[in-house]
Amino acid sequence: MQMERIALNLRAELRDLRFSRPAAYVYHPLEYAWAPHAEYIHRYGVGKREIVLVGMNPGPWGMVQTGVPFGDLEMVRDWLGITGRVTRPASEHPKRPVEGFSCHRGEISGRRLWGWARDAFGTPQCFFARIFVVNYCPLCFFDADGKNLTPDRLKTGDHGPLFASCDRALRAAIDLLEARLVIGIGRFAEKRARQALAGMDLTIACAPHPSGANPQASRDWGGQMTATLKALGINP
């Protein structure tokens, strides 16, 4: 399967990368949570897509736990119908344990994004007939205290090899899906999508990030997402 091959190639390319402080811990869900990630690809990543939503990177209580982008456990298990074996990162911060589908924490970004998908489209099949969701970077970073670090907060010297691999993977995925609209979920994802997909015949836009740290997202994020699509000529 081509989408699986793209993920496996990215997993292999990132495996041996090393990062400077403040990134003291690096979690690689494509390694230890491959089973649910592969299930996500096999179930929902086959065929062409009109739209691709691009997230930034895994959240501590989302893809870090479930292997699925914006992977709030309840939404992944109960709406997407995905479970699977999750092991542990090679080096794990004691404040950031990986508990897989036994995790009792939820991810607000995932609840908002997949909750909007459920409310707007009804079933996963209807949603994925038109839209696919990926993360630009599949790695999660923590500093020595266990604080989450987004990729833009890494040392500048660490950006090159990481972004080069992620750019190639995103471009390959968009080419495979033949998407004509790519929406970055947040400014970082939009910026990286514009860089990775330069020269391709498609439209790139931005939607607010559904993170709990984004005050704008607490004001009906689903409504904002629908409004973004309608402004681009798309009716969910």
Protein backbone atom coordinates (compact mmCIF):
# COMPACT_ATOMS: atom_id res chain seq x y z
CA MET A 1 0.00 0.00 0.00
CA GLN A 2 1.49 3.31 -1.10
CA MET A 3 0.40 5.45 1.86
CA GLU A 4 1.83 2.89 4.24
CA ARG A 5 5.10 2.92 2.28
CA ILE A 6 5.30 6.72 2.65
CA ALA A 7 4.87 6.39 6.43
CA LEU A 8 7.43 3.58 6.66
CA ASN A 9 9.97 5.57 4.65
CA LEU A 10 9.46 8.59 6.91
CA ARG A 11 9.76 6.38 9.99
CA ALA A 12 13.08 5.01 8.74
CA GLU A 13 14.45 8.44 7.81
CA LEU A 14 13.67 9.91 11.23
CA ARG A 15 14.86 6.92 13.26
CA ASP A 16 18.50 7.97 13.51
CA LEU A 17 18.05 11.74 13.84
CA ARG A 18 19.48 13.29 16.99
CA PHE A 19 18.26 16.54 18.52
CA SER A 20 19.93 19.18 20.67
CA ARG A 21 18.62 20.60 23.92
CA PRO A 22 16.02 21.71 24.81
CA ALA A 23 14.69 18.50 23.16
CA ALA A 24 15.70 16.01 25.85
CA TYR A 25 13.13 13.33 24.94
CA VAL A 26 11.87 12.37 21.48
CA TYR A 27 8.82 10.14 21.06
CA HIS A 28 8.29 8.39 17.72
CA PRO A 29 4.73 7.01 17.53
CA LEU A 30 5.34 5.52 14.08
CA GLU A 31 7.67 3.13 15.91
CA TYR A 32 5.91 2.17 19.14
CA ALA A 33 2.30 2.84 18.03
CA TRP A 34 2.62 1.52 14.49
CA ALA A 35 -0.30 -0.94 14.78
CA PRO A 36 -3.07 1.68 15.24
CA HIS A 37 -1.37 4.05 12.82
CA ALA A 38 -1.29 1.34 10.16
CA GLU A 39 -4.94 0.58 10.86
CA TYR A 40 -5.78 4.25 10.35
CA ILE A 41 -3.99 4.24 7.00
CA HIS A 42 -5.48 0.95 5.84
CA ARG A 43 -9.00 1.86 6.84
CA TYR A 44 -9.12 5.51 5.79
CA GLY A 45 -6.07 6.32 3.65
CA VAL A 46 -6.91 4.53 0.40
CA GLY A 47 -8.06 6.43 -2.69
CA LYS A 48 -8.13 10.03 -3.80
CA ARG A 49 -9.11 12.96 -1.58
CA GLU A 50 -10.43 16.39 -2.33
CA ILE A 51 -9.00 17.93 0.86
CA VAL A 52 -6.13 17.15 3.22
CA LEU A 53 -5.91 18.65 6.70
CA VAL A 54 -2.33 18.94 7.95
CA GLY A 55 -1.58 19.06 11.67
CA MET A 56 1.70 20.06 13.26
CA ASN A 57 2.94 17.05 15.27
CA PRO A 58 1.65 14.58 17.89
CA GLY A 59 0.19 15.84 21.16
CA PRO A 60 1.13 14.19 24.47
CA TRP A 61 -2.41 12.87 25.02
CA GLY A 62 -3.26 12.32 21.37
CA MET A 63 -1.11 10.67 18.72
CA VAL A 64 1.58 10.01 21.33
CA GLN A 65 -0.89 7.60 22.94
CA THR A 66 -2.91 6.27 19.99
CA GLY A 67 -0.73 6.63 16.90
CA VAL A 68 -3.47 8.56 15.05
CA PRO A 69 -3.28 12.27 14.13
CA PHE A 70 -5.24 14.40 16.61
CA GLY A 71 -5.69 11.04 18.35
CA ASP A 72 -7.94 11.69 21.33
CA LEU A 73 -8.47 8.18 22.69
CA GLU A 74 -12.26 8.21 22.88
CA MET A 75 -12.66 9.65 19.39
CA VAL A 76 -10.14 7.22 17.91
CA ARG A 77 -11.64 4.19 19.63
CA ASP A 78 -15.34 5.02 19.54
CA TRP A 79 -15.80 7.05 16.35
CA LEU A 80 -12.94 5.96 14.12
CA GLY A 81 -13.16 2.41 15.48
CA ILE A 82 -9.39 2.01 15.82
CA THR A 83 -7.41 0.27 18.54
CA GLY A 84 -4.12 -1.59 18.50
CA ARG A 85 -1.02 -2.55 20.40
CA VAL A 86 1.04 0.37 21.69
CA THR A 87 4.38 -0.21 23.41
CA ARG A 88 6.70 2.46 24.85
CA PRO A 89 9.27 4.93 23.52
CA ALA A 90 12.90 3.95 23.90
CA SER A 91 13.40 6.81 26.37
CA GLU A 92 10.36 7.99 28.32
CA HIS A 93 9.98 11.01 30.58
CA PRO A 94 8.39 10.00 33.90
CA LYS A 95 5.87 12.83 33.62
CA ARG A 96 4.90 11.81 30.07
CA PRO A 97 4.13 8.09 30.18
CA VAL A 98 2.78 6.31 27.12
CA GLU A 99 -0.20 4.22 28.23
CA GLY A 100 -1.75 3.65 24.80
CA PHE A 101 -5.44 2.86 24.85
CA SER A 102 -5.34 2.61 28.65
CA CYS A 103 -4.62 6.33 28.92
CA HIS A 104 -7.21 8.20 30.97
CA ARG A 105 -6.35 11.65 29.59
CA GLY A 106 -8.03 13.16 26.56
CA GLU A 107 -6.71 15.53 23.91
CA ILE A 108 -8.84 18.62 23.43
CA SER A 109 -7.50 19.21 19.90
CA GLY A 110 -8.58 15.73 18.89
CA ARG A 111 -11.98 16.02 20.54
CA ARG A 112 -12.61 19.24 18.68
CA LEU A 113 -11.35 18.12 15.27
CA TRP A 114 -12.91 14.65 15.17
CA GLY A 115 -16.00 15.94 16.98
CA TRP A 116 -16.45 18.49 14.19
CA ALA A 117 -15.94 15.74 11.59
CA ARG A 118 -18.59 13.60 13.28
CA ASP A 119 -21.09 16.45 13.60
CA ALA A 120 -20.55 17.77 10.06
CA PHE A 121 -20.30 14.47 8.16
CA GLY A 122 -22.03 11.89 10.38
CA THR A 123 -19.85 8.85 9.74
CA PRO A 124 -16.11 8.34 9.24
CA GLN A 125 -16.86 6.93 5.80
CA CYS A 126 -18.58 10.15 4.69
CA PHE A 127 -15.79 12.28 6.13
CA PHE A 128 -12.92 10.29 4.64
CA ALA A 129 -14.59 10.10 1.25
CA ARG A 130 -13.58 13.74 0.88
CA ILE A 131 -10.94 14.52 3.52
CA PHE A 132 -7.81 12.92 4.96
CA VAL A 133 -5.89 14.06 8.04
CA VAL A 134 -2.11 13.86 8.46
CA ASN A 135 0.50 15.33 10.76
CA TYR A 136 3.38 17.17 9.13
CA CYS A 137 5.87 15.82 11.68
CA PRO A 138 5.28 12.47 13.43
CA LEU A 139 7.68 13.15 16.31
CA CYS A 140 6.86 14.60 19.73
CA PHE A 141 9.48 16.48 21.74
CA PHE A 142 9.79 17.17 25.48
CA ASP A 143 12.33 19.18 27.40
CA ALA A 144 14.07 17.90 30.54
CA ASP A 145 11.09 18.95 32.69
CA GLY A 146 8.60 17.15 30.46
CA LYS A 147 7.28 20.30 28.78
CA ASN A 148 5.94 19.75 25.27
CA LEU A 149 8.06 21.36 22.54
CA THR A 150 6.56 22.06 19.14
CA PRO A 151 8.92 21.57 16.16
CA ASP A 152 9.35 25.31 15.64
CA ARG A 153 10.92 25.53 19.11
CA LEU A 154 13.74 23.13 18.31
CA LYS A 155 17.24 24.46 17.78
CA THR A 156 17.49 25.93 14.29
CA GLY A 157 20.26 23.48 13.41
CA ASP A 158 17.88 20.57 14.04
CA HIS A 159 15.30 21.83 11.57
CA GLY A 160 17.09 20.94 8.34
CA PRO A 161 17.13 17.12 8.31
CA LEU A 162 13.76 16.89 10.09
CA PHE A 163 11.94 19.29 7.82
CA ALA A 164 13.52 17.82 4.67
CA SER A 165 12.16 14.35 5.50
CA CYS A 166 8.75 15.66 6.55
CA ASP A 167 8.52 17.81 3.42
CA ARG A 168 9.20 14.80 1.18
CA ALA A 169 6.63 12.68 2.98
CA LEU A 170 3.94 15.37 2.82
CA ARG A 171 4.56 16.01 -0.85
CA ALA A 172 4.41 12.28 -1.60
CA ALA A 173 1.14 11.92 0.34
CA ILE A 174 -0.52 14.88 -1.38
CA ASP A 175 0.62 13.64 -4.77
CA LEU A 176 -0.78 10.17 -4.03
CA LEU A 177 -4.12 11.51 -2.78
CA GLU A 178 -4.34 14.00 -5.68
CA ALA A 179 -5.72 16.60 -3.28
CA ARG A 180 -6.54 20.03 -4.62
CA LEU A 181 -6.97 21.77 -1.25
CA VAL A 182 -4.54 21.53 1.68
CA ILE A 183 -5.45 23.22 4.94
CA GLY A 184 -2.80 23.73 7.58
CA ILE A 185 -4.28 23.40 11.06
CA GLY A 186 -2.46 26.36 12.57
CA ARG A 187 0.13 28.71 11.08
CA PHE A 188 3.11 26.39 11.48
CA ALA A 189 1.45 23.61 9.48
CA GLU A 190 0.33 26.08 6.82
CA LYS A 191 3.86 27.47 6.51
CA ARG A 192 5.42 24.02 6.19
CA ALA A 193 2.77 22.94 3.68
CA ARG A 194 3.53 25.98 1.51
CA GLN A 195 7.22 25.13 1.62
CA ALA A 196 6.82 21.40 0.98
CA LEU A 197 4.18 21.72 -1.73
CA ALA A 198 5.60 24.68 -3.64
CA GLY A 199 4.94 24.35 -7.35
CA MET A 200 2.08 21.87 -7.03
CA ASP A 201 -1.27 22.70 -8.61
CA LEU A 202 -3.37 23.12 -5.48
CA THR A 203 -4.71 25.64 -2.98
CA ILE A 204 -3.16 26.00 0.47
CA ALA A 205 -5.07 27.65 3.29
CA CYS A 206 -5.07 27.86 7.09
CA ALA A 207 -7.59 27.06 9.82
CA PRO A 208 -7.27 27.90 13.53
CA HIS A 209 -5.59 25.23 15.63
CA PRO A 210 -8.11 23.50 17.95
CA SER A 211 -5.67 23.43 20.86
CA GLY A 212 -6.82 24.34 24.34
CA ALA A 213 -3.95 26.83 24.36
CA ASN A 214 -5.60 28.77 21.53
CA PRO A 215 -8.30 31.08 23.00
CA GLN A 216 -9.86 31.49 19.56
CA ALA A 217 -10.51 27.74 19.37
CA SER A 218 -12.73 27.76 22.47
CA ARG A 219 -15.30 29.86 20.58
CA ASP A 220 -17.01 27.18 18.47
CA TRP A 221 -13.97 25.75 16.70
CA GLY A 222 -16.17 23.47 14.62
CA GLY A 223 -18.12 26.45 13.36
CA GLN A 224 -14.87 28.18 12.46
CA MET A 225 -13.70 25.12 10.56
CA THR A 226 -16.93 24.92 8.60
CA ALA A 227 -16.69 28.65 7.85
CA THR A 228 -13.11 28.17 6.59
CA LEU A 229 -14.26 25.49 4.17
CA LYS A 230 -17.22 27.52 2.96
CA ALA A 231 -14.97 30.53 2.33
CA LEU A 232 -12.94 28.20 0.08
CA GLY A 233 -16.04 27.08 -1.78
CA ILE A 234 -16.44 23.77 0.05
CA ASN A 235 -19.76 22.77 1.65
CA PRO A 236 -19.36 19.96 4.23
